[in-house]
Amino acid sequence: MTKLLLSIHVIAAIVAVGSITVAASMFPRYALRALDGTEKDGRAAGVAGLLHRVCYGYSLAGIFVPVFGIATGAALGVLTDAWLIASLVLTLIAAAVLGLAILPGQRRLLADEDDGEGPPTLDAARPMAARLTMLTGIFNLVWAVVVVLMIVRPGSTTGA
């Protein structure tokens, strides 16, 4: 059963977090391209909208990552190990950055006339996109640390 839980945990992490990482990293470039007015066909706006939907959808699917991680940790009897607790705290931080900053920032850059305010001007969007790029980098870095903790498991007696 432990191998099944661990397999689901790892697959969910690769699919969900990997998809968010790539889509969120690409989003600011396409959002700015959509706002700069050089593309008349609206392709960049469509791509930016799709990337936001990918981030949002996979963030919901990403809930399975810590759920199966905790189940795996319980099956292995390591729930009180420092590396797992640190990983859970970092996972909460990554979720907060995604849910409270990245996704709302993407929505602000995608605002349209139906939202009441309309899209931001290109001059206003550039610092918003730069902030979003920075937050995405932080999100990605936090996940990289979690991956290292999962592999190295400081204090582990397995020697891995």
C-alpha atoms as a PDB file:
ATOM      1  CA  MET A   1       0.000   0.000   0.000  1.00  0.00           C
ATOM      2  CA  THR A   2       2.885   2.367   0.776  1.00  0.00           C
ATOM      3  CA  LYS A   3       4.261   1.995  -2.751  1.00  0.00           C
ATOM      4  CA  LEU A   4       0.858   2.835  -4.232  1.00  0.00           C
ATOM      5  CA  LEU A   5       0.479   5.937  -2.045  1.00  0.00           C
ATOM      6  CA  LEU A   6       4.006   7.083  -2.860  1.00  0.00           C
ATOM      7  CA  SER A   7       3.439   6.491  -6.583  1.00  0.00           C
ATOM      8  CA  ILE A   8       0.241   8.557  -6.573  1.00  0.00           C
ATOM      9  CA  HIS A   9       1.981  11.282  -4.550  1.00  0.00           C
ATOM     10  CA  VAL A  10       4.917  11.516  -6.971  1.00  0.00           C
ATOM     11  CA  ILE A  11       2.752  11.362 -10.106  1.00  0.00           C
ATOM     12  CA  ALA A  12       0.413  14.045  -8.733  1.00  0.00           C
ATOM     13  CA  ALA A  13       3.395  16.248  -7.887  1.00  0.00           C
ATOM     14  CA  ILE A  14       4.909  15.872 -11.339  1.00  0.00           C
ATOM     15  CA  VAL A  15       1.654  16.468 -13.198  1.00  0.00           C
ATOM     16  CA  ALA A  16       0.139  19.204 -11.029  1.00  0.00           C
ATOM     17  CA  VAL A  17       3.130  21.146  -9.754  1.00  0.00           C
ATOM     18  CA  GLY A  18       5.071  20.687 -12.987  1.00  0.00           C
ATOM     19  CA  SER A  19       2.185  22.049 -15.041  1.00  0.00           C
ATOM     20  CA  ILE A  20       1.714  25.042 -12.749  1.00  0.00           C
ATOM     21  CA  THR A  21       5.445  25.751 -12.779  1.00  0.00           C
ATOM     22  CA  VAL A  22       5.636  25.863 -16.567  1.00  0.00           C
ATOM     23  CA  ALA A  23       2.339  27.689 -17.154  1.00  0.00           C
ATOM     24  CA  ALA A  24       2.926  30.318 -14.463  1.00  0.00           C
ATOM     25  CA  SER A  25       6.439  30.956 -15.783  1.00  0.00           C
ATOM     26  CA  MET A  26       5.150  31.547 -19.316  1.00  0.00           C
ATOM     27  CA  PHE A  27       2.105  33.624 -18.360  1.00  0.00           C
ATOM     28  CA  PRO A  28       3.643  37.114 -17.863  1.00  0.00           C
ATOM     29  CA  ARG A  29       5.261  37.131 -21.313  1.00  0.00           C
ATOM     30  CA  TYR A  30       2.003  36.317 -23.085  1.00  0.00           C
ATOM     31  CA  ALA A  31      -0.060  38.669 -20.928  1.00  0.00           C
ATOM     32  CA  LEU A  32       2.237  41.576 -21.807  1.00  0.00           C
ATOM     33  CA  ARG A  33       2.236  40.583 -25.473  1.00  0.00           C
ATOM     34  CA  ALA A  34      -1.575  40.632 -25.406  1.00  0.00           C
ATOM     35  CA  LEU A  35      -1.596  44.134 -23.929  1.00  0.00           C
ATOM     36  CA  ASP A  36       1.070  45.725 -26.124  1.00  0.00           C
ATOM     37  CA  GLY A  37      -1.309  45.945 -29.088  1.00  0.00           C
ATOM     38  CA  THR A  38       1.059  44.512 -31.694  1.00  0.00           C
ATOM     39  CA  GLU A  39      -0.858  41.265 -32.155  1.00  0.00           C
ATOM     40  CA  LYS A  40      -4.112  41.851 -33.984  1.00  0.00           C
ATOM     41  CA  ASP A  41      -5.288  38.239 -33.971  1.00  0.00           C
ATOM     42  CA  GLY A  42      -5.581  37.951 -30.170  1.00  0.00           C
ATOM     43  CA  ARG A  43      -3.430  34.831 -30.044  1.00  0.00           C
ATOM     44  CA  ALA A  44      -1.341  36.069 -27.106  1.00  0.00           C
ATOM     45  CA  ALA A  45      -4.488  36.881 -25.112  1.00  0.00           C
ATOM     46  CA  GLY A  46      -5.809  33.399 -25.822  1.00  0.00           C
ATOM     47  CA  VAL A  47      -2.545  31.793 -24.747  1.00  0.00           C
ATOM     48  CA  ALA A  48      -2.429  33.915 -21.569  1.00  0.00           C
ATOM     49  CA  GLY A  49      -6.009  32.911 -20.758  1.00  0.00           C
ATOM     50  CA  LEU A  50      -5.189  29.253 -21.336  1.00  0.00           C
ATOM     51  CA  LEU A  51      -2.080  29.459 -19.129  1.00  0.00           C
ATOM     52  CA  HIS A  52      -4.156  31.002 -16.331  1.00  0.00           C
ATOM     53  CA  ARG A  53      -6.746  28.222 -16.632  1.00  0.00           C
ATOM     54  CA  VAL A  54      -3.942  25.637 -16.490  1.00  0.00           C
ATOM     55  CA  CYS A  55      -2.562  27.250 -13.318  1.00  0.00           C
ATOM     56  CA  TYR A  56      -5.995  27.403 -11.702  1.00  0.00           C
ATOM     57  CA  GLY A  57      -7.098  23.913 -12.713  1.00  0.00           C
ATOM     58  CA  TYR A  58      -3.883  22.211 -11.705  1.00  0.00           C
ATOM     59  CA  SER A  59      -3.800  24.141  -8.433  1.00  0.00           C
ATOM     60  CA  LEU A  60      -7.048  22.376  -7.544  1.00  0.00           C
ATOM     61  CA  ALA A  61      -5.575  19.029  -8.614  1.00  0.00           C
ATOM     62  CA  GLY A  62      -2.443  19.893  -6.622  1.00  0.00           C
ATOM     63  CA  ILE A  63      -4.394  19.380  -3.399  1.00  0.00           C
ATOM     64  CA  PHE A  64      -3.773  15.664  -3.926  1.00  0.00           C
ATOM     65  CA  VAL A  65      -0.004  16.146  -3.592  1.00  0.00           C
ATOM     66  CA  PRO A  66       0.078  16.889   0.160  1.00  0.00           C
ATOM     67  CA  VAL A  67      -2.901  14.609   0.835  1.00  0.00           C
ATOM     68  CA  PHE A  68      -1.098  11.583  -0.600  1.00  0.00           C
ATOM     69  CA  GLY A  69       2.197  12.835   0.843  1.00  0.00           C
ATOM     70  CA  ILE A  70       0.734  12.822   4.353  1.00  0.00           C
ATOM     71  CA  ALA A  71      -0.822   9.406   3.749  1.00  0.00           C
ATOM     72  CA  THR A  72       2.539   8.093   2.565  1.00  0.00           C
ATOM     73  CA  GLY A  73       4.316   9.653   5.556  1.00  0.00           C
ATOM     74  CA  ALA A  74       1.824   8.032   7.905  1.00  0.00           C
ATOM     75  CA  ALA A  75       2.307   4.650   6.245  1.00  0.00           C
ATOM     76  CA  LEU A  76       6.082   5.014   6.573  1.00  0.00           C
ATOM     77  CA  GLY A  77       5.856   6.286  10.158  1.00  0.00           C
ATOM     78  CA  VAL A  78       7.749   9.518   9.422  1.00  0.00           C
ATOM     79  CA  LEU A  79       5.072  12.147  10.092  1.00  0.00           C
ATOM     80  CA  THR A  80       7.079  13.668  12.943  1.00  0.00           C
ATOM     81  CA  ASP A  81      10.390  13.790  11.068  1.00  0.00           C
ATOM     82  CA  ALA A  82      11.769  17.303  10.662  1.00  0.00           C
ATOM     83  CA  TRP A  83      12.248  17.001   6.888  1.00  0.00           C
ATOM     84  CA  LEU A  84       8.592  16.082   6.394  1.00  0.00           C
ATOM     85  CA  ILE A  85       7.329  18.855   8.656  1.00  0.00           C
ATOM     86  CA  ALA A  86       9.568  21.352   6.832  1.00  0.00           C
ATOM     87  CA  SER A  87       8.246  20.060   3.509  1.00  0.00           C
ATOM     88  CA  LEU A  88       4.654  20.521   4.668  1.00  0.00           C
ATOM     89  CA  VAL A  89       5.356  24.069   5.856  1.00  0.00           C
ATOM     90  CA  LEU A  90       7.013  24.891   2.533  1.00  0.00           C
ATOM     91  CA  THR A  91       4.063  23.337   0.697  1.00  0.00           C
ATOM     92  CA  LEU A  92       1.717  25.641   2.615  1.00  0.00           C
ATOM     93  CA  ILE A  93       3.913  28.624   1.728  1.00  0.00           C
ATOM     94  CA  ALA A  94       3.889  27.635  -1.964  1.00  0.00           C
ATOM     95  CA  ALA A  95       0.103  27.205  -1.874  1.00  0.00           C
ATOM     96  CA  ALA A  96      -0.300  30.633  -0.270  1.00  0.00           C
ATOM     97  CA  VAL A  97       1.943  32.293  -2.867  1.00  0.00           C
ATOM     98  CA  LEU A  98      -0.019  30.608  -5.652  1.00  0.00           C
ATOM     99  CA  GLY A  99      -3.502  31.188  -4.265  1.00  0.00           C
ATOM    100  CA  LEU A 100      -3.037  34.629  -2.747  1.00  0.00           C
ATOM    101  CA  ALA A 101      -0.622  36.261  -5.187  1.00  0.00           C
ATOM    102  CA  ILE A 102      -0.002  34.451  -8.481  1.00  0.00           C
ATOM    103  CA  LEU A 103      -3.558  33.518  -9.466  1.00  0.00           C
ATOM    104  CA  PRO A 104      -5.040  36.918  -8.471  1.00  0.00           C
ATOM    105  CA  GLY A 105      -2.165  38.674 -10.276  1.00  0.00           C
ATOM    106  CA  GLN A 106      -2.895  36.695 -13.407  1.00  0.00           C
ATOM    107  CA  ARG A 107      -6.591  37.589 -13.153  1.00  0.00           C
ATOM    108  CA  ARG A 108      -5.717  41.297 -12.866  1.00  0.00           C
ATOM    109  CA  LEU A 109      -3.581  41.127 -16.006  1.00  0.00           C
ATOM    110  CA  LEU A 110      -6.377  39.310 -17.844  1.00  0.00           C
ATOM    111  CA  ALA A 111      -9.109  41.766 -16.805  1.00  0.00           C
ATOM    112  CA  ASP A 112     -11.432  42.681 -19.636  1.00  0.00           C
ATOM    113  CA  GLU A 113     -14.169  45.216 -20.221  1.00  0.00           C
ATOM    114  CA  ASP A 114     -16.772  42.885 -18.690  1.00  0.00           C
ATOM    115  CA  ASP A 115     -14.974  43.066 -15.341  1.00  0.00           C
ATOM    116  CA  GLY A 116     -15.778  46.747 -14.975  1.00  0.00           C
ATOM    117  CA  GLU A 117     -12.225  48.042 -14.852  1.00  0.00           C
ATOM    118  CA  GLY A 118     -10.928  46.720 -18.139  1.00  0.00           C
ATOM    119  CA  PRO A 119      -7.397  45.546 -18.818  1.00  0.00           C
ATOM    120  CA  PRO A 120      -4.492  47.484 -17.326  1.00  0.00           C
ATOM    121  CA  THR A 121      -2.475  49.775 -19.551  1.00  0.00           C
ATOM    122  CA  LEU A 122       0.818  48.428 -20.807  1.00  0.00           C
ATOM    123  CA  ASP A 123       2.717  50.799 -18.500  1.00  0.00           C
ATOM    124  CA  ALA A 124       0.728  49.559 -15.496  1.00  0.00           C
ATOM    125  CA  ALA A 125       1.005  45.935 -16.608  1.00  0.00           C
ATOM    126  CA  ARG A 126       4.810  45.831 -16.854  1.00  0.00           C
ATOM    127  CA  PRO A 127       5.454  46.111 -13.086  1.00  0.00           C
ATOM    128  CA  MET A 128       2.550  43.741 -12.436  1.00  0.00           C
ATOM    129  CA  ALA A 129       4.113  41.194 -14.793  1.00  0.00           C
ATOM    130  CA  ALA A 130       7.558  41.692 -13.223  1.00  0.00           C
ATOM    131  CA  ARG A 131       6.079  41.069  -9.759  1.00  0.00           C
ATOM    132  CA  LEU A 132       4.282  38.003 -11.083  1.00  0.00           C
ATOM    133  CA  THR A 133       7.532  36.712 -12.581  1.00  0.00           C
ATOM    134  CA  MET A 134       9.272  37.173  -9.218  1.00  0.00           C
ATOM    135  CA  LEU A 135       6.477  35.439  -7.301  1.00  0.00           C
ATOM    136  CA  THR A 136       6.507  32.566  -9.770  1.00  0.00           C
ATOM    137  CA  GLY A 137      10.252  32.227  -9.255  1.00  0.00           C
ATOM    138  CA  ILE A 138       9.721  32.079  -5.488  1.00  0.00           C
ATOM    139  CA  PHE A 139       6.982  29.469  -5.967  1.00  0.00           C
ATOM    140  CA  ASN A 140       9.300  27.400  -8.168  1.00  0.00           C
ATOM    141  CA  LEU A 141      12.215  27.734  -5.742  1.00  0.00           C
ATOM    142  CA  VAL A 142      10.093  26.616  -2.791  1.00  0.00           C
ATOM    143  CA  TRP A 143       9.035  23.517  -4.731  1.00  0.00           C
ATOM    144  CA  ALA A 144      12.640  22.808  -5.665  1.00  0.00           C
ATOM    145  CA  VAL A 145      13.554  22.859  -1.961  1.00  0.00           C
ATOM    146  CA  VAL A 146      10.655  20.497  -1.201  1.00  0.00           C
ATOM    147  CA  VAL A 147      11.884  18.098  -3.891  1.00  0.00           C
ATOM    148  CA  VAL A 148      15.398  18.156  -2.410  1.00  0.00           C
ATOM    149  CA  LEU A 149      13.981  17.489   1.065  1.00  0.00           C
ATOM    150  CA  MET A 150      11.975  14.562  -0.302  1.00  0.00           C
ATOM    151  CA  ILE A 151      15.073  13.053  -1.899  1.00  0.00           C
ATOM    152  CA  VAL A 152      17.732  13.780   0.733  1.00  0.00           C
ATOM    153  CA  ARG A 153      15.509  13.420   3.825  1.00  0.00           C
ATOM    154  CA  PRO A 154      17.955  14.895   6.356  1.00  0.00           C
ATOM    155  CA  GLY A 155      18.417  12.607   9.342  1.00  0.00           C
ATOM    156  CA  SER A 156      17.103   9.591   7.474  1.00  0.00           C
ATOM    157  CA  THR A 157      18.510   6.246   8.521  1.00  0.00           C
ATOM    158  CA  THR A 158      18.173   4.845   4.994  1.00  0.00           C
ATOM    159  CA  GLY A 159      21.420   6.441   3.859  1.00  0.00           C
ATOM    160  CA  ALA A 160      19.739   7.939   0.781  1.00  0.00           C
END
